[in-house]
């Protein structure tokens, strides 16, 4: 996991979001399905996510374990 974060308004794809928090892209999609994460936009067919939201979803998932 990285220690330096990009600006809060940064939007990333599920693949990059997964790399940032150390999970698979399928996990990002599962969080969306479970309404633990919401896409912030789209680029073509790809959903985009705010990094701050992805980090928050990852922290929440870790607390549930």
N, C-alpha and C. Protein backbone atom coordinates (compact mmCIF):
# COMPACT_ATOMS: atom_id res chain seq x y z
N UNK A 1 0.85 -1.17 0.00
CA UNK A 1 0.00 0.00 0.00
C UNK A 1 0.89 1.24 0.00
N UNK A 2 0.48 2.25 -0.75
CA UNK A 2 1.25 3.49 -0.81
C UNK A 2 1.03 4.34 0.43
N UNK A 3 2.02 5.14 0.76
CA UNK A 3 1.86 6.03 1.90
C UNK A 3 1.45 7.43 1.45
N UNK A 4 1.91 7.86 0.29
CA UNK A 4 1.53 9.18 -0.24
C UNK A 4 0.30 9.02 -1.11
N UNK A 5 -0.70 9.83 -0.85
CA UNK A 5 -1.94 9.74 -1.61
C UNK A 5 -2.02 10.86 -2.64
N UNK A 6 -2.74 10.57 -3.71
CA UNK A 6 -3.00 11.57 -4.74
C UNK A 6 -4.03 12.57 -4.20
N UNK A 7 -4.22 13.69 -4.86
CA UNK A 7 -5.23 14.65 -4.41
C UNK A 7 -6.60 13.98 -4.26
N UNK A 8 -7.39 14.46 -3.32
CA UNK A 8 -8.68 13.84 -3.02
C UNK A 8 -9.60 13.80 -4.22
N UNK A 9 -9.50 14.78 -5.13
CA UNK A 9 -10.41 14.82 -6.26
C UNK A 9 -9.99 13.88 -7.39
N UNK A 10 -8.89 13.17 -7.24
CA UNK A 10 -8.40 12.26 -8.27
C UNK A 10 -9.42 11.14 -8.51
N UNK A 11 -9.74 10.91 -9.78
CA UNK A 11 -10.63 9.81 -10.16
C UNK A 11 -9.81 8.75 -10.85
N UNK A 12 -10.05 7.50 -10.48
CA UNK A 12 -9.27 6.39 -11.02
C UNK A 12 -10.21 5.26 -11.43
N UNK A 13 -9.71 4.39 -12.31
CA UNK A 13 -10.46 3.20 -12.72
C UNK A 13 -10.43 2.16 -11.60
N UNK A 14 -11.25 1.13 -11.75
CA UNK A 14 -11.27 0.04 -10.76
C UNK A 14 -9.91 -0.64 -10.69
N UNK A 15 -9.23 -0.79 -11.83
CA UNK A 15 -7.90 -1.43 -11.83
C UNK A 15 -6.90 -0.64 -11.00
N UNK A 16 -6.85 0.67 -11.21
CA UNK A 16 -5.90 1.50 -10.47
C UNK A 16 -6.31 1.60 -9.00
N UNK A 17 -7.61 1.71 -8.75
CA UNK A 17 -8.10 1.76 -7.36
C UNK A 17 -7.68 0.50 -6.61
N UNK A 18 -7.81 -0.64 -7.27
CA UNK A 18 -7.44 -1.91 -6.65
C UNK A 18 -5.95 -1.94 -6.33
N UNK A 19 -5.12 -1.47 -7.25
CA UNK A 19 -3.68 -1.41 -6.99
C UNK A 19 -3.36 -0.52 -5.80
N UNK A 20 -4.04 0.60 -5.69
CA UNK A 20 -3.78 1.55 -4.61
C UNK A 20 -4.04 0.96 -3.23
N UNK A 21 -5.10 0.15 -3.11
CA UNK A 21 -5.45 -0.37 -1.78
C UNK A 21 -5.07 -1.84 -1.59
N UNK A 22 -4.50 -2.45 -2.61
CA UNK A 22 -4.01 -3.82 -2.46
C UNK A 22 -5.07 -4.90 -2.52
N UNK A 23 -6.11 -4.67 -3.34
CA UNK A 23 -7.14 -5.69 -3.55
C UNK A 23 -7.25 -5.95 -5.05
N UNK A 24 -8.13 -6.85 -5.44
CA UNK A 24 -8.34 -7.11 -6.86
C UNK A 24 -9.41 -6.17 -7.42
N UNK A 25 -9.41 -5.96 -8.74
CA UNK A 25 -10.49 -5.17 -9.34
C UNK A 25 -11.87 -5.78 -9.06
N UNK A 26 -11.93 -7.11 -8.94
CA UNK A 26 -13.20 -7.76 -8.61
C UNK A 26 -13.71 -7.32 -7.23
N UNK A 27 -12.80 -7.09 -6.31
CA UNK A 27 -13.18 -6.61 -4.97
C UNK A 27 -13.78 -5.22 -5.06
N UNK A 28 -13.19 -4.36 -5.88
CA UNK A 28 -13.75 -3.01 -6.07
C UNK A 28 -15.18 -3.13 -6.61
N UNK A 29 -15.38 -3.98 -7.61
CA UNK A 29 -16.72 -4.15 -8.19
C UNK A 29 -17.69 -4.75 -7.16
N UNK A 30 -17.20 -5.63 -6.30
CA UNK A 30 -18.04 -6.22 -5.26
C UNK A 30 -18.47 -5.16 -4.25
N UNK A 31 -17.55 -4.27 -3.88
CA UNK A 31 -17.91 -3.18 -2.96
C UNK A 31 -19.00 -2.31 -3.57
N UNK A 32 -18.94 -2.09 -4.88
CA UNK A 32 -19.99 -1.31 -5.55
C UNK A 32 -21.31 -2.07 -5.48
N UNK A 33 -21.27 -3.36 -5.78
CA UNK A 33 -22.47 -4.20 -5.73
C UNK A 33 -23.09 -4.19 -4.34
N UNK A 34 -22.26 -4.20 -3.31
CA UNK A 34 -22.73 -4.21 -1.92
C UNK A 34 -23.03 -2.80 -1.40
N UNK A 35 -22.89 -1.80 -2.27
CA UNK A 35 -23.14 -0.39 -1.94
C UNK A 35 -22.20 0.15 -0.87
N UNK A 36 -20.98 -0.37 -0.85
CA UNK A 36 -19.95 0.14 0.07
C UNK A 36 -19.08 1.17 -0.62
N UNK A 37 -19.24 1.28 -1.95
CA UNK A 37 -18.47 2.22 -2.75
C UNK A 37 -19.34 2.64 -3.92
N UNK A 38 -19.32 3.94 -4.24
CA UNK A 38 -20.10 4.44 -5.37
C UNK A 38 -19.17 5.04 -6.41
N UNK A 39 -19.41 4.74 -7.69
CA UNK A 39 -18.62 5.38 -8.74
C UNK A 39 -18.86 6.89 -8.71
N UNK A 40 -17.82 7.65 -9.03
CA UNK A 40 -17.93 9.11 -9.04
C UNK A 40 -18.06 9.65 -10.45
N UNK A 41 -17.93 8.78 -11.44
CA UNK A 41 -18.03 9.21 -12.82
C UNK A 41 -17.77 8.05 -13.76
N UNK A 42 -17.68 8.41 -15.05
CA UNK A 42 -17.40 7.41 -16.07
C UNK A 42 -16.44 7.97 -17.08
N UNK A 43 -15.67 7.07 -17.67
CA UNK A 43 -14.80 7.41 -18.79
C UNK A 43 -15.07 6.32 -19.83
N UNK A 44 -15.86 6.65 -20.83
CA UNK A 44 -16.31 5.62 -21.75
C UNK A 44 -17.20 4.66 -21.00
N UNK A 45 -16.87 3.37 -21.06
CA UNK A 45 -17.65 2.36 -20.33
C UNK A 45 -17.13 2.12 -18.92
N UNK A 46 -15.96 2.64 -18.61
CA UNK A 46 -15.32 2.38 -17.31
C UNK A 46 -15.84 3.33 -16.24
N UNK A 47 -16.17 2.78 -15.08
CA UNK A 47 -16.53 3.60 -13.94
C UNK A 47 -15.26 4.16 -13.32
N UNK A 48 -15.37 5.36 -12.77
CA UNK A 48 -14.25 6.01 -12.09
C UNK A 48 -14.61 6.21 -10.62
N UNK A 49 -13.60 6.16 -9.79
CA UNK A 49 -13.80 6.25 -8.34
C UNK A 49 -12.88 7.29 -7.74
N UNK A 50 -13.36 7.98 -6.70
CA UNK A 50 -12.51 8.91 -5.95
C UNK A 50 -11.60 8.07 -5.06
N UNK A 51 -10.31 8.38 -5.06
CA UNK A 51 -9.38 7.63 -4.22
C UNK A 51 -9.77 7.70 -2.75
N UNK A 52 -10.23 8.85 -2.30
CA UNK A 52 -10.62 8.96 -0.89
C UNK A 52 -11.76 8.00 -0.56
N UNK A 53 -12.69 7.78 -1.49
CA UNK A 53 -13.79 6.84 -1.27
C UNK A 53 -13.28 5.40 -1.26
N UNK A 54 -12.33 5.10 -2.13
CA UNK A 54 -11.76 3.75 -2.20
C UNK A 54 -11.02 3.43 -0.89
N UNK A 55 -10.22 4.38 -0.41
CA UNK A 55 -9.50 4.16 0.86
C UNK A 55 -10.49 3.99 2.01
N UNK A 56 -11.58 4.75 2.01
CA UNK A 56 -12.59 4.63 3.07
C UNK A 56 -13.27 3.26 3.01
N UNK A 57 -13.58 2.78 1.82
CA UNK A 57 -14.21 1.46 1.67
C UNK A 57 -13.26 0.36 2.14
N UNK A 58 -11.98 0.52 1.84
CA UNK A 58 -10.99 -0.47 2.26
C UNK A 58 -10.86 -0.49 3.79
N UNK A 59 -10.84 0.69 4.42
CA UNK A 59 -10.77 0.75 5.88
C UNK A 59 -12.01 0.11 6.51
N UNK A 60 -13.18 0.39 5.93
CA UNK A 60 -14.43 -0.18 6.45
C UNK A 60 -14.43 -1.70 6.29
N UNK A 61 -13.93 -2.19 5.18
CA UNK A 61 -13.87 -3.64 4.96
C UNK A 61 -12.93 -4.29 5.96
N UNK A 62 -11.84 -3.62 6.26
CA UNK A 62 -10.88 -4.16 7.22
C UNK A 62 -11.49 -4.22 8.62
N UNK A 63 -12.31 -3.22 8.98
CA UNK A 63 -12.97 -3.22 10.30
C UNK A 63 -13.98 -4.36 10.42
N UNK A 64 -14.60 -4.74 9.30
CA UNK A 64 -15.61 -5.80 9.32
C UNK A 64 -15.00 -7.18 9.48
N UNK A 65 -13.69 -7.31 9.28
CA UNK A 65 -13.04 -8.63 9.35
C UNK A 65 -12.89 -9.09 10.77
